[in-house]
Amino acid sequence: MRAQGHISVVQERRLLLITDDGTGCQLTLAHDATVDIDALRQFAEARTHVSVEYSGEPGLASGVAHAVEPR
């Protein structure tokens, strides 16, 4: 699945994506993700609009972000 918005919070390997419609999606960054934690922090600080590819259910342990790309 894919969602777009901006990253509001980064804590350890977790992120909170606020989607374009205002929904919060809490996800864990996959170990093989295309970005690292420092990039997520930069996106959050700059309020960069991003596209996130994820699997599972946001807010649960199964919610995993595999790719985060600036838009």
Protein backbone atom coordinates (compact mmCIF):
# COMPACT_ATOMS: atom_id res chain seq x y z
CA MET A 1 0.00 0.00 0.00
CA ARG A 2 1.07 3.60 -0.46
CA ALA A 3 0.24 6.80 1.42
CA GLN A 4 1.31 10.42 0.95
CA GLY A 5 1.73 13.21 3.47
CA HIS A 6 4.38 14.49 5.87
CA ILE A 7 6.23 12.88 8.75
CA SER A 8 5.27 14.41 12.07
CA VAL A 9 7.26 12.35 14.59
CA VAL A 10 10.33 10.12 14.36
CA GLN A 11 11.26 8.01 17.38
CA GLU A 12 13.80 5.20 17.15
CA ARG A 13 12.63 3.22 14.09
CA ARG A 14 9.02 4.44 14.31
CA LEU A 15 7.43 7.27 12.39
CA LEU A 16 4.08 9.02 12.38
CA LEU A 17 2.91 9.93 8.89
CA ILE A 18 0.13 12.49 8.65
CA THR A 19 -1.55 11.73 5.35
CA ASP A 20 -2.90 14.36 2.99
CA ASP A 21 -6.41 13.74 4.36
CA GLY A 22 -5.23 14.25 7.98
CA THR A 23 -5.12 10.61 9.06
CA GLY A 24 -2.22 9.52 11.28
CA CYS A 25 -0.35 6.36 10.25
CA GLN A 26 2.12 4.99 12.79
CA LEU A 27 4.67 2.75 11.07
CA THR A 28 7.94 1.01 11.88
CA LEU A 29 10.82 1.46 9.46
CA ALA A 30 11.82 -1.84 7.83
CA HIS A 31 15.41 -2.97 8.37
CA ASP A 32 15.87 -3.06 4.58
CA ALA A 33 14.09 0.27 3.95
CA THR A 34 15.29 2.57 1.18
CA VAL A 35 16.02 5.37 3.71
CA ASP A 36 17.65 5.57 7.12
CA ILE A 37 16.53 7.18 10.35
CA ASP A 38 18.55 10.36 9.68
CA ALA A 39 16.72 10.91 6.39
CA LEU A 40 13.36 10.48 8.17
CA ARG A 41 14.37 13.11 10.72
CA GLN A 42 15.36 15.50 7.93
CA PHE A 43 12.03 14.94 6.18
CA ALA A 44 10.19 15.60 9.44
CA GLU A 45 12.15 18.76 10.30
CA ALA A 46 11.64 20.20 6.80
CA ARG A 47 7.98 19.02 6.63
CA THR A 48 8.85 17.42 3.30
CA HIS A 49 5.90 15.93 1.44
CA VAL A 50 6.67 12.20 1.12
CA SER A 51 5.25 9.04 -0.38
CA VAL A 52 5.48 5.95 1.84
CA GLU A 53 5.17 2.37 0.64
CA TYR A 54 4.15 0.12 3.51
CA SER A 55 2.70 -3.25 4.35
CA GLY A 56 0.49 -4.41 7.20
CA GLU A 57 -1.83 -2.32 9.33
CA PRO A 58 -0.67 1.14 10.49
CA GLY A 59 -0.65 1.44 14.27
CA LEU A 60 -0.04 -2.28 14.78
CA ALA A 61 3.19 -4.25 14.85
CA SER A 62 2.48 -5.33 11.27
CA GLY A 63 2.63 -1.72 9.95
CA VAL A 64 6.05 -1.52 8.28
CA ALA A 65 7.38 1.23 5.99
CA HIS A 66 9.55 -0.18 3.20
CA ALA A 67 10.17 2.95 1.12
CA VAL A 68 9.95 6.67 1.90
CA GLU A 69 10.48 9.08 -0.99
CA PRO A 70 10.24 12.86 -1.12
CA ARG A 71 7.58 14.20 -3.50
